[in-house]
Structure formats: structure tokens, C-alpha cells
Amino acid sequence: MGGSAGLESPTAVTGSAIGSNYAQTYRLGYKERTLLLAAGATAGIASAFNAPIAGIMFAFEILLTGVVFTDFIPLVVAAVCGSLFSRILLQEDVLFRVLYQGIIQL
């Protein structure tokens, strides 16, 4: 169910790994690699929780050190693509469904 980052850890790590591997394949610099790592995490969070704004905020808060407008645009694109991909694949359903089966006291 996740590591030290909680439930969002597997999706953030998977998206970050995809972004980092892409940057290594094309021999991009440190700044571009960090941005692709953050974009992958953003897309993962946005697709898993259907929350693109939360994905962007997660990337700025945890992964990126400063807020730069040029970093904002790729993160928005990644969040929108992740959210749309999730909606197309799941057909407007949610990925994580929580069922409450509590005891009803009369």
C-alpha cells in the first residue's frame, strides 16, 4: 500500500521512474531530468486519484525546490494527460473504491 510517502507512493514512483528513464535515454541535463521526474509523478497522482491540481501541488511541494513559471506548463500538461488517460481507461469510474461496511446501531 505504499512506502514512507503513503498511498500515493507507488504511482508517484512509477511516474517518476518513467520520466527519469526518458531523460537518461536522451541524455538530458539535471534540470530537465528533474522536471521530467516531477511531470511523471504529477501524471501518476493525477491519474490515480483523478486530481490534476493535487498532482501539480504535490510536485511543487515535494519534488521541485522553487516555483518557476516555465516548470508550471509541463506539469499542467502532464496532469491533464494523466487525468484524461485515466478517465478513458476507467470509463469515468474511480481507481480506488472505498467501501464502508460498518455496524449500524439502532
Protein backbone atom coordinates (compact mmCIF):
# COMPACT_ATOMS: atom_id res chain seq x y z
CA MET A 1 0.00 0.00 0.00
CA GLY A 2 2.92 2.34 -0.29
CA GLY A 3 6.08 3.24 1.45
CA SER A 4 7.03 6.23 3.53
CA ALA A 5 5.15 8.54 1.14
CA GLY A 6 1.82 6.85 1.83
CA LEU A 7 -0.74 5.59 -0.64
CA GLU A 8 0.48 7.85 -3.43
CA SER A 9 3.98 6.40 -3.32
CA PRO A 10 3.60 3.66 -5.98
CA THR A 11 2.04 5.96 -8.57
CA ALA A 12 4.47 8.79 -7.88
CA VAL A 13 7.49 6.46 -8.04
CA THR A 14 6.31 4.76 -11.24
CA GLY A 15 5.66 8.07 -12.99
CA SER A 16 8.96 9.48 -11.76
CA ALA A 17 10.85 6.41 -12.99
CA ILE A 18 9.34 6.77 -16.46
CA GLY A 19 10.32 10.45 -16.59
CA SER A 20 13.82 9.75 -15.31
CA ASN A 21 14.40 6.89 -17.75
CA TYR A 22 13.28 9.10 -20.64
CA ALA A 23 15.74 11.79 -19.54
CA GLN A 24 18.58 9.27 -19.24
CA THR A 25 17.83 7.79 -22.67
CA TYR A 26 18.07 11.19 -24.36
CA ARG A 27 20.97 12.38 -22.16
CA LEU A 28 19.20 15.43 -20.78
CA GLY A 29 20.70 17.64 -18.09
CA TYR A 30 19.93 17.75 -14.38
CA LYS A 31 17.25 20.45 -14.64
CA GLU A 32 15.41 18.70 -17.46
CA ARG A 33 15.67 15.34 -15.68
CA THR A 34 14.23 16.81 -12.50
CA LEU A 35 11.38 18.40 -14.46
CA LEU A 36 10.56 15.11 -16.23
CA LEU A 37 10.71 13.29 -12.91
CA ALA A 38 8.22 15.78 -11.44
CA ALA A 39 6.00 15.57 -14.53
CA GLY A 40 5.87 11.79 -14.25
CA ALA A 41 4.92 11.98 -10.59
CA THR A 42 2.29 14.61 -11.42
CA ALA A 43 0.74 12.41 -14.10
CA GLY A 44 0.74 9.42 -11.76
CA ILE A 45 -1.00 11.30 -8.95
CA ALA A 46 -3.48 12.91 -11.35
CA SER A 47 -4.40 9.59 -12.94
CA ALA A 48 -4.65 7.53 -9.75
CA PHE A 49 -6.70 9.99 -7.73
CA ASN A 50 -8.37 11.91 -10.59
CA ALA A 51 -6.97 15.08 -9.09
CA PRO A 52 -4.77 17.00 -11.54
CA ILE A 53 -4.39 20.08 -9.33
CA ALA A 54 -3.32 17.92 -6.39
CA GLY A 55 -0.72 16.28 -8.65
CA ILE A 56 0.72 19.67 -9.58
CA MET A 57 0.78 20.81 -5.97
CA PHE A 58 2.47 17.53 -4.94
CA ALA A 59 5.23 18.06 -7.49
CA PHE A 60 5.87 21.66 -6.47
CA GLU A 61 5.76 20.89 -2.77
CA ILE A 62 7.79 17.68 -2.65
CA LEU A 63 9.92 17.36 -5.79
CA LEU A 64 10.73 20.85 -7.07
CA THR A 65 12.59 23.33 -4.90
CA GLY A 66 11.25 26.57 -6.36
CA VAL A 67 8.22 27.72 -8.28
CA VAL A 68 9.22 28.72 -11.80
CA PHE A 69 6.63 29.55 -14.45
CA THR A 70 8.48 27.55 -17.09
CA ASP A 71 8.19 24.46 -14.88
CA PHE A 72 4.47 25.01 -14.40
CA ILE A 73 3.48 24.43 -18.05
CA PRO A 74 4.89 20.87 -18.43
CA LEU A 75 3.34 19.89 -15.10
CA VAL A 76 -0.09 21.11 -16.22
CA VAL A 77 0.22 19.16 -19.46
CA ALA A 78 1.30 16.02 -17.58
CA ALA A 79 -1.55 16.35 -15.07
CA VAL A 80 -4.18 16.81 -17.78
CA CYS A 81 -2.81 13.90 -19.85
CA GLY A 82 -2.68 11.63 -16.81
CA SER A 83 -6.21 12.52 -15.75
CA LEU A 84 -7.64 12.09 -19.26
CA PHE A 85 -5.82 8.80 -19.77
CA SER A 86 -7.25 7.51 -16.51
CA ARG A 87 -10.77 8.60 -17.44
CA ILE A 88 -10.54 6.97 -20.85
CA LEU A 89 -9.17 3.72 -19.44
CA LEU A 90 -11.53 3.50 -16.47
CA GLN A 91 -14.54 4.93 -18.33
CA GLU A 92 -15.43 7.60 -15.75
CA ASP A 93 -15.01 5.20 -12.81
CA VAL A 94 -12.61 5.62 -9.90
CA LEU A 95 -9.44 3.57 -9.44
CA PHE A 96 -9.60 3.22 -5.67
CA ARG A 97 -13.04 2.49 -4.26
CA VAL A 98 -13.55 2.53 -0.52
CA LEU A 99 -16.48 0.50 0.75
CA TYR A 100 -17.70 1.15 4.25
CA GLN A 101 -19.24 -1.84 5.97
CA GLY A 102 -19.82 -0.54 9.46
CA ILE A 103 -22.18 -1.68 12.16
CA ILE A 104 -25.43 0.22 12.26
CA GLN A 105 -26.73 0.69 15.79
CA LEU A 106 -30.44 1.22 16.29
